[in-house]
PDB file of N, CA and C in Angstrom:
ATOM      1  N   MET A   1       0.840  -1.172   0.043  1.00  0.00           N
ATOM      2  CA  MET A   1      -0.040  -0.054   0.020  1.00  0.00           C
ATOM      3  C   MET A   1       0.789   1.237  -0.099  1.00  0.00           C
ATOM      4  N   ALA A   2       2.087   1.256   0.704  1.00  0.00           N
ATOM      5  CA  ALA A   2       2.805   2.388   0.832  1.00  0.00           C
ATOM      6  C   ALA A   2       3.446   2.794  -0.486  1.00  0.00           C
ATOM      7  N   HIS A   3       3.829   1.758  -1.280  1.00  0.00           N
ATOM      8  CA  HIS A   3       4.357   1.968  -2.737  1.00  0.00           C
ATOM      9  C   HIS A   3       3.241   2.671  -3.541  1.00  0.00           C
ATOM     10  N   THR A   4       2.057   2.387  -3.458  1.00  0.00           N
ATOM     11  CA  THR A   4       1.071   2.983  -4.336  1.00  0.00           C
ATOM     12  C   THR A   4       0.901   4.493  -3.768  1.00  0.00           C
ATOM     13  N   GLN A   5       0.925   4.744  -2.456  1.00  0.00           N
ATOM     14  CA  GLN A   5       0.888   6.079  -1.992  1.00  0.00           C
ATOM     15  C   GLN A   5       2.071   6.867  -2.482  1.00  0.00           C
ATOM     16  N   GLU A   6       3.261   6.290  -2.467  1.00  0.00           N
ATOM     17  CA  GLU A   6       4.506   6.895  -2.857  1.00  0.00           C
ATOM     18  C   GLU A   6       4.373   7.173  -4.447  1.00  0.00           C
ATOM     19  N   SER A   7       3.698   6.445  -5.187  1.00  0.00           N
ATOM     20  CA  SER A   7       3.693   6.532  -6.584  1.00  0.00           C
ATOM     21  C   SER A   7       2.612   7.642  -6.807  1.00  0.00           C
ATOM     22  N   ASP A   8       1.660   7.720  -6.132  1.00  0.00           N
ATOM     23  CA  ASP A   8       0.587   8.830  -6.225  1.00  0.00           C
ATOM     24  C   ASP A   8       1.247  10.184  -5.919  1.00  0.00           C
ATOM     25  N   VAL A   9       2.078  10.235  -4.997  1.00  0.00           N
ATOM     26  CA  VAL A   9       2.710  11.627  -4.576  1.00  0.00           C
ATOM     27  C   VAL A   9       3.749  11.856  -5.623  1.00  0.00           C
ATOM     28  N   SER A  10       4.481  10.821  -6.173  1.00  0.00           N
ATOM     29  CA  SER A  10       5.308  11.147  -7.217  1.00  0.00           C
ATOM     30  C   SER A  10       4.580  11.567  -8.509  1.00  0.00           C
ATOM     31  N   LEU A  11       3.419  11.105  -8.914  1.00  0.00           N
ATOM     32  CA  LEU A  11       2.746  11.425  -9.955  1.00  0.00           C
ATOM     33  C   LEU A  11       2.113  12.813  -9.761  1.00  0.00           C
ATOM     34  N   ALA A  12       1.780  13.166  -8.644  1.00  0.00           N
ATOM     35  CA  ALA A  12       1.148  14.479  -8.404  1.00  0.00           C
ATOM     36  C   ALA A  12       2.300  15.518  -8.454  1.00  0.00           C
ATOM     37  N   GLN A  13       3.448  15.168  -8.116  1.00  0.00           N
ATOM     38  CA  GLN A  13       4.619  16.096  -8.142  1.00  0.00           C
ATOM     39  C   GLN A  13       5.004  16.277  -9.693  1.00  0.00           C
ATOM     40  N   ARG A  14       4.990  15.269 -10.501  1.00  0.00           N
ATOM     41  CA  ARG A  14       5.177  15.288 -11.708  1.00  0.00           C
ATOM     42  C   ARG A  14       4.180  16.230 -12.585  1.00  0.00           C
ATOM     43  N   ARG A  15       3.000  15.988 -12.237  1.00  0.00           N
ATOM     44  CA  ARG A  15       1.831  16.766 -12.837  1.00  0.00           C
ATOM     45  C   ARG A  15       2.029  18.319 -12.346  1.00  0.00           C
ATOM     46  N   GLU A  16       2.396  18.587 -11.247  1.00  0.00           N
ATOM     47  CA  GLU A  16       2.675  19.923 -10.759  1.00  0.00           C
ATOM     48  C   GLU A  16       3.865  20.593 -11.492  1.00  0.00           C
ATOM     49  N   LEU A  17       5.041  19.894 -11.791  1.00  0.00           N
ATOM     50  CA  LEU A  17       5.956  20.225 -12.523  1.00  0.00           C
ATOM     51  C   LEU A  17       5.763  20.499 -13.932  1.00  0.00           C
ATOM     52  N   LEU A  18       4.861  19.585 -14.510  1.00  0.00           N
ATOM     53  CA  LEU A  18       4.383  19.718 -15.881  1.00  0.00           C
ATOM     54  C   LEU A  18       3.548  21.093 -16.084  1.00  0.00           C
ATOM     55  N   THR A  19       2.713  21.270 -15.092  1.00  0.00           N
ATOM     56  CA  THR A  19       1.778  22.366 -15.205  1.00  0.00           C
ATOM     57  C   THR A  19       2.706  23.784 -15.080  1.00  0.00           C
ATOM     58  N   LYS A  20       3.644  23.750 -14.360  1.00  0.00           N
ATOM     59  CA  LYS A  20       4.449  24.939 -14.198  1.00  0.00           C
ATOM     60  C   LYS A  20       5.299  25.066 -15.484  1.00  0.00           C
ATOM     61  N   ALA A  21       5.733  24.000 -16.073  1.00  0.00           N
ATOM     62  CA  ALA A  21       6.570  24.014 -17.188  1.00  0.00           C
ATOM     63  C   ALA A  21       5.808  24.523 -18.505  1.00  0.00           C
ATOM     64  N   LEU A  22       4.544  23.992 -18.423  1.00  0.00           N
ATOM     65  CA  LEU A  22       3.749  24.452 -19.630  1.00  0.00           C
ATOM     66  C   LEU A  22       3.469  25.870 -19.668  1.00  0.00           C
ATOM     67  N   ALA A  23       3.595  26.649 -18.499  1.00  0.00           N
ATOM     68  CA  ALA A  23       3.358  28.106 -18.516  1.00  0.00           C
ATOM     69  C   ALA A  23       4.656  28.901 -19.203  1.00  0.00           C
ATOM     70  N   TYR A  24       5.660  28.121 -19.271  1.00  0.00           N
ATOM     71  CA  TYR A  24       6.773  28.673 -19.867  1.00  0.00           C
ATOM     72  C   TYR A  24       6.877  28.720 -21.468  1.00  0.00           C
ATOM     73  N   LEU A  25       6.046  27.862 -21.987  1.00  0.00           N
ATOM     74  CA  LEU A  25       5.898  27.706 -23.459  1.00  0.00           C
ATOM     75  C   LEU A  25       5.162  28.787 -24.123  1.00  0.00           C
ATOM     76  N   PRO A  26       5.576  29.249 -25.389  1.00  0.00           N
ATOM     77  CA  PRO A  26       4.739  30.156 -26.078  1.00  0.00           C
ATOM     78  C   PRO A  26       3.314  29.742 -26.374  1.00  0.00           C
ATOM     79  N   GLU A  27       2.332  30.663 -26.348  1.00  0.00           N
ATOM     80  CA  GLU A  27       0.985  30.284 -26.286  1.00  0.00           C
ATOM     81  C   GLU A  27       0.586  29.185 -27.258  1.00  0.00           C
ATOM     82  N   LYS A  28       0.873  29.321 -28.638  1.00  0.00           N
ATOM     83  CA  LYS A  28       0.555  28.375 -29.572  1.00  0.00           C
ATOM     84  C   LYS A  28       1.121  27.111 -29.529  1.00  0.00           C
ATOM     85  N   GLU A  29       2.427  27.042 -28.996  1.00  0.00           N
ATOM     86  CA  GLU A  29       3.061  25.855 -28.743  1.00  0.00           C
ATOM     87  C   GLU A  29       2.450  25.071 -27.513  1.00  0.00           C
ATOM     88  N   ARG A  30       2.145  25.772 -26.569  1.00  0.00           N
ATOM     89  CA  ARG A  30       1.391  25.292 -25.369  1.00  0.00           C
ATOM     90  C   ARG A  30       0.047  24.811 -25.719  1.00  0.00           C
ATOM     91  N   ALA A  31      -0.614  25.512 -26.530  1.00  0.00           N
ATOM     92  CA  ALA A  31      -1.956  24.967 -26.992  1.00  0.00           C
ATOM     93  C   ALA A  31      -1.949  23.694 -27.749  1.00  0.00           C
ATOM     94  N   ALA A  32      -0.950  23.573 -28.638  1.00  0.00           N
ATOM     95  CA  ALA A  32      -0.723  22.445 -29.543  1.00  0.00           C
ATOM     96  C   ALA A  32      -0.473  21.242 -28.690  1.00  0.00           C
ATOM     97  N   VAL A  33       0.532  21.417 -27.724  1.00  0.00           N
ATOM     98  CA  VAL A  33       0.927  20.356 -26.808  1.00  0.00           C
ATOM     99  C   VAL A  33      -0.251  19.848 -26.016  1.00  0.00           C
ATOM    100  N   VAL A  34      -1.056  20.779 -25.348  1.00  0.00           N
ATOM    101  CA  VAL A  34      -2.175  20.395 -24.563  1.00  0.00           C
ATOM    102  C   VAL A  34      -3.227  19.600 -25.255  1.00  0.00           C
ATOM    103  N   LEU A  35      -3.622  20.275 -26.502  1.00  0.00           N
ATOM    104  CA  LEU A  35      -4.659  19.692 -27.299  1.00  0.00           C
ATOM    105  C   LEU A  35      -4.254  18.300 -27.863  1.00  0.00           C
ATOM    106  N   ARG A  36      -2.975  18.181 -28.250  1.00  0.00           N
ATOM    107  CA  ARG A  36      -2.563  16.971 -28.918  1.00  0.00           C
ATOM    108  C   ARG A  36      -2.095  15.835 -27.775  1.00  0.00           C
ATOM    109  N   GLU A  37      -1.315  16.250 -26.876  1.00  0.00           N
ATOM    110  CA  GLU A  37      -0.713  15.233 -25.839  1.00  0.00           C
ATOM    111  C   GLU A  37      -1.487  14.977 -24.654  1.00  0.00           C
ATOM    112  N   ILE A  38      -2.234  16.018 -24.216  1.00  0.00           N
ATOM    113  CA  ILE A  38      -3.013  15.876 -23.010  1.00  0.00           C
ATOM    114  C   ILE A  38      -4.466  15.572 -23.450  1.00  0.00           C
ATOM    115  N   GLU A  39      -5.073  16.358 -24.303  1.00  0.00           N
ATOM    116  CA  GLU A  39      -6.456  16.107 -24.567  1.00  0.00           C
ATOM    117  C   GLU A  39      -6.675  14.958 -25.499  1.00  0.00           C
ATOM    118  N   GLY A  40      -5.605  14.596 -26.296  1.00  0.00           N
ATOM    119  CA  GLY A  40      -5.649  13.542 -27.143  1.00  0.00           C
ATOM    120  C   GLY A  40      -6.184  13.687 -28.545  1.00  0.00           C
ATOM    121  N   LEU A  41      -6.460  14.942 -29.062  1.00  0.00           N
ATOM    122  CA  LEU A  41      -6.945  15.120 -30.150  1.00  0.00           C
ATOM    123  C   LEU A  41      -5.948  14.684 -31.372  1.00  0.00           C
ATOM    124  N   GLU A  42      -6.610  14.482 -32.449  1.00  0.00           N
ATOM    125  CA  GLU A  42      -5.759  14.265 -33.637  1.00  0.00           C
ATOM    126  C   GLU A  42      -5.055  15.431 -34.229  1.00  0.00           C
ATOM    127  N   THR A  43      -4.008  15.274 -34.883  1.00  0.00           N
ATOM    128  CA  THR A  43      -3.237  16.369 -35.305  1.00  0.00           C
ATOM    129  C   THR A  43      -4.142  17.357 -36.281  1.00  0.00           C
ATOM    130  N   ALA A  44      -4.828  16.855 -37.104  1.00  0.00           N
ATOM    131  CA  ALA A  44      -5.695  17.631 -38.022  1.00  0.00           C
ATOM    132  C   ALA A  44      -6.737  18.470 -37.187  1.00  0.00           C
ATOM    133  N   GLU A  45      -7.310  17.758 -36.128  1.00  0.00           N
ATOM    134  CA  GLU A  45      -8.332  18.422 -35.245  1.00  0.00           C
ATOM    135  C   GLU A  45      -7.623  19.751 -34.460  1.00  0.00           C
ATOM    136  N   VAL A  46      -6.314  19.443 -34.085  1.00  0.00           N
ATOM    137  CA  VAL A  46      -5.712  20.515 -33.331  1.00  0.00           C
ATOM    138  C   VAL A  46      -5.361  21.649 -34.447  1.00  0.00           C
ATOM    139  N   ALA A  47      -4.997  21.311 -35.636  1.00  0.00           N
ATOM    140  CA  ALA A  47      -4.665  22.266 -36.629  1.00  0.00           C
ATOM    141  C   ALA A  47      -5.902  23.173 -36.988  1.00  0.00           C
ATOM    142  N   GLU A  48      -7.091  22.463 -37.001  1.00  0.00           N
ATOM    143  CA  GLU A  48      -8.254  23.203 -37.361  1.00  0.00           C
ATOM    144  C   GLU A  48      -8.674  24.169 -36.161  1.00  0.00           C
ATOM    145  N   ILE A  49      -8.511  23.662 -34.926  1.00  0.00           N
ATOM    146  CA  ILE A  49      -8.751  24.516 -33.842  1.00  0.00           C
ATOM    147  C   ILE A  49      -7.844  25.751 -33.768  1.00  0.00           C
ATOM    148  N   LEU A  50      -6.516  25.528 -34.018  1.00  0.00           N
ATOM    149  CA  LEU A  50      -5.662  26.727 -34.012  1.00  0.00           C
ATOM    150  C   LEU A  50      -5.508  27.445 -35.339  1.00  0.00           C
ATOM    151  N   GLY A  51      -6.160  27.078 -36.328  1.00  0.00           N
ATOM    152  CA  GLY A  51      -6.182  27.764 -37.530  1.00  0.00           C
ATOM    153  C   GLY A  51      -4.781  27.602 -38.178  1.00  0.00           C
ATOM    154  N   SER A  52      -4.284  26.435 -38.135  1.00  0.00           N
ATOM    155  CA  SER A  52      -2.984  26.057 -38.643  1.00  0.00           C
ATOM    156  C   SER A  52      -3.010  24.817 -39.484  1.00  0.00           C
ATOM    157  N   THR A  53      -1.658  24.479 -39.845  1.00  0.00           N
ATOM    158  CA  THR A  53      -1.668  23.103 -40.736  1.00  0.00           C
ATOM    159  C   THR A  53      -1.080  22.100 -39.817  1.00  0.00           C
ATOM    160  N   PRO A  54      -1.396  20.811 -40.311  1.00  0.00           N
ATOM    161  CA  PRO A  54      -0.870  19.642 -39.486  1.00  0.00           C
ATOM    162  C   PRO A  54       0.555  19.671 -39.321  1.00  0.00           C
ATOM    163  N   VAL A  55       1.315  20.149 -40.377  1.00  0.00           N
ATOM    164  CA  VAL A  55       2.701  20.243 -40.365  1.00  0.00           C
ATOM    165  C   VAL A  55       3.126  21.227 -39.258  1.00  0.00           C
ATOM    166  N   THR A  56       2.536  22.272 -39.095  1.00  0.00           N
ATOM    167  CA  THR A  56       2.890  23.187 -38.024  1.00  0.00           C
ATOM    168  C   THR A  56       2.600  22.614 -36.766  1.00  0.00           C
ATOM    169  N   VAL A  57       1.483  22.060 -36.597  1.00  0.00           N
ATOM    170  CA  VAL A  57       1.105  21.503 -35.392  1.00  0.00           C
ATOM    171  C   VAL A  57       2.127  20.431 -34.907  1.00  0.00           C
ATOM    172  N   ARG A  58       2.575  19.435 -35.851  1.00  0.00           N
ATOM    173  CA  ARG A  58       3.504  18.419 -35.508  1.00  0.00           C
ATOM    174  C   ARG A  58       4.831  19.065 -34.936  1.00  0.00           C
ATOM    175  N   THR A  59       5.254  20.270 -35.665  1.00  0.00           N
ATOM    176  CA  THR A  59       6.397  21.041 -35.356  1.00  0.00           C
ATOM    177  C   THR A  59       6.280  21.516 -33.898  1.00  0.00           C
ATOM    178  N   GLN A  60       5.142  22.151 -33.802  1.00  0.00           N
ATOM    179  CA  GLN A  60       4.986  22.930 -32.408  1.00  0.00           C
ATOM    180  C   GLN A  60       4.867  21.902 -31.255  1.00  0.00           C
ATOM    181  N   VAL A  61       4.314  20.594 -31.529  1.00  0.00           N
ATOM    182  CA  VAL A  61       4.177  19.715 -30.449  1.00  0.00           C
ATOM    183  C   VAL A  61       5.619  19.108 -30.218  1.00  0.00           C
ATOM    184  N   SER A  62       6.401  18.929 -31.309  1.00  0.00           N
ATOM    185  CA  SER A  62       7.641  18.284 -31.144  1.00  0.00           C
ATOM    186  C   SER A  62       8.736  19.397 -30.394  1.00  0.00           C
ATOM    187  N   THR A  63       8.630  20.610 -30.761  1.00  0.00           N
ATOM    188  CA  THR A  63       9.466  21.694 -30.167  1.00  0.00           C
ATOM    189  C   THR A  63       8.986  21.678 -28.682  1.00  0.00           C
ATOM    190  N   GLY A  64       7.575  21.863 -28.497  1.00  0.00           N
ATOM    191  CA  GLY A  64       7.016  22.014 -27.202  1.00  0.00           C
ATOM    192  C   GLY A  64       7.355  20.973 -26.245  1.00  0.00           C
ATOM    193  N   ARG A  65       7.484  19.674 -26.651  1.00  0.00           N
ATOM    194  CA  ARG A  65       7.767  18.525 -25.927  1.00  0.00           C
ATOM    195  C   ARG A  65       9.368  18.603 -25.429  1.00  0.00           C
ATOM    196  N   ALA A  66      10.185  19.014 -26.449  1.00  0.00           N
ATOM    197  CA  ALA A  66      11.629  19.198 -26.187  1.00  0.00           C
ATOM    198  C   ALA A  66      11.784  20.341 -25.075  1.00  0.00           C
ATOM    199  N   ARG A  67      11.239  21.335 -25.338  1.00  0.00           N
ATOM    200  CA  ARG A  67      11.302  22.556 -24.402  1.00  0.00           C
ATOM    201  C   ARG A  67      10.766  21.944 -23.049  1.00  0.00           C
ATOM    202  N   LEU A  68       9.620  21.302 -23.027  1.00  0.00           N
ATOM    203  CA  LEU A  68       9.116  20.923 -21.717  1.00  0.00           C
ATOM    204  C   LEU A  68      10.135  19.993 -20.917  1.00  0.00           C
ATOM    205  N   ARG A  69      10.718  19.096 -21.611  1.00  0.00           N
ATOM    206  CA  ARG A  69      11.830  18.250 -20.955  1.00  0.00           C
ATOM    207  C   ARG A  69      12.976  19.173 -20.489  1.00  0.00           C
ATOM    208  N   GLU A  70      13.279  20.061 -21.100  1.00  0.00           N
ATOM    209  CA  GLU A  70      14.405  20.993 -20.638  1.00  0.00           C
ATOM    210  C   GLU A  70      13.902  21.888 -19.370  1.00  0.00           C
ATOM    211  N   ILE A  71      12.680  22.402 -19.419  1.00  0.00           N
ATOM    212  CA  ILE A  71      12.164  23.225 -18.380  1.00  0.00           C
ATOM    213  C   ILE A  71      11.862  22.287 -17.127  1.00  0.00           C
ATOM    214  N   VAL A  72      11.413  21.164 -17.352  1.00  0.00           N
ATOM    215  CA  VAL A  72      11.054  20.346 -16.205  1.00  0.00           C
ATOM    216  C   VAL A  72      12.429  19.909 -15.436  1.00  0.00           C
ATOM    217  N   ALA A  73      13.370  19.506 -16.255  1.00  0.00           N
ATOM    218  CA  ALA A  73      14.726  19.208 -15.769  1.00  0.00           C
ATOM    219  C   ALA A  73      15.270  20.519 -15.006  1.00  0.00           C
ATOM    220  N   ARG A  74      15.213  21.671 -15.534  1.00  0.00           N
ATOM    221  CA  ARG A  74      15.569  22.899 -14.761  1.00  0.00           C
ATOM    222  C   ARG A  74      14.850  23.004 -13.537  1.00  0.00           C
ATOM    223  N   LEU A  75      13.481  22.945 -13.503  1.00  0.00           N
ATOM    224  CA  LEU A  75      12.722  23.055 -12.271  1.00  0.00           C
ATOM    225  C   LEU A  75      13.111  21.927 -11.114  1.00  0.00           C
ATOM    226  N   GLU A  76      13.389  20.726 -11.679  1.00  0.00           N
ATOM    227  CA  GLU A  76      13.788  19.713 -10.749  1.00  0.00           C
ATOM    228  C   GLU A  76      15.109  20.000 -10.063  1.00  0.00           C
ATOM    229  N   ARG A  77      16.061  20.632 -10.769  1.00  0.00           N
ATOM    230  CA  ARG A  77      17.206  20.952 -10.281  1.00  0.00           C
ATOM    231  C   ARG A  77      17.131  21.984  -9.240  1.00  0.00           C
ATOM    232  N   ARG A  78      16.142  23.049  -9.437  1.00  0.00           N
ATOM    233  CA  ARG A  78      15.970  24.063  -8.591  1.00  0.00           C
ATOM    234  C   ARG A  78      15.391  23.465  -7.146  1.00  0.00           C
ATOM    235  N   LYS A  79      14.724  22.395  -7.280  1.00  0.00           N
ATOM    236  CA  LYS A  79      13.972  21.839  -6.167  1.00  0.00           C
ATOM    237  C   LYS A  79      14.921  21.062  -5.291  1.00  0.00           C
ATOM    238  N   ALA A  80      15.989  20.532  -5.970  1.00  0.00           N
ATOM    239  CA  ALA A  80      17.001  19.686  -5.360  1.00  0.00           C
ATOM    240  C   ALA A  80      18.061  20.484  -4.377  1.00  0.00           C
TER     241      ALA A  80
END
C-alpha cells in the first residue's frame, strides 16, 4: 500500500512540474501540446482549432515537448 501512495505523490509532483513548465511555453506551442498530448486530439483537429496546418502542429508539439523536458529538468534541479 505504501508503494502506491509513494507513486501517487510522485505522479502528483510530476503533474505539478508539468503544469508549471507548460506556463513557460509560447501560447501556440502550449495550446498544440495540450490539445494533442493531453487532450488526445488528432493532429488535424488541433490544426483546425488553432487555424494552422498539420505540419505546423507537429512541429509545435515536437518543439514543445523538447522544451518541456528542458524546463522540467531545470525546475527539478531548483527543487534539489
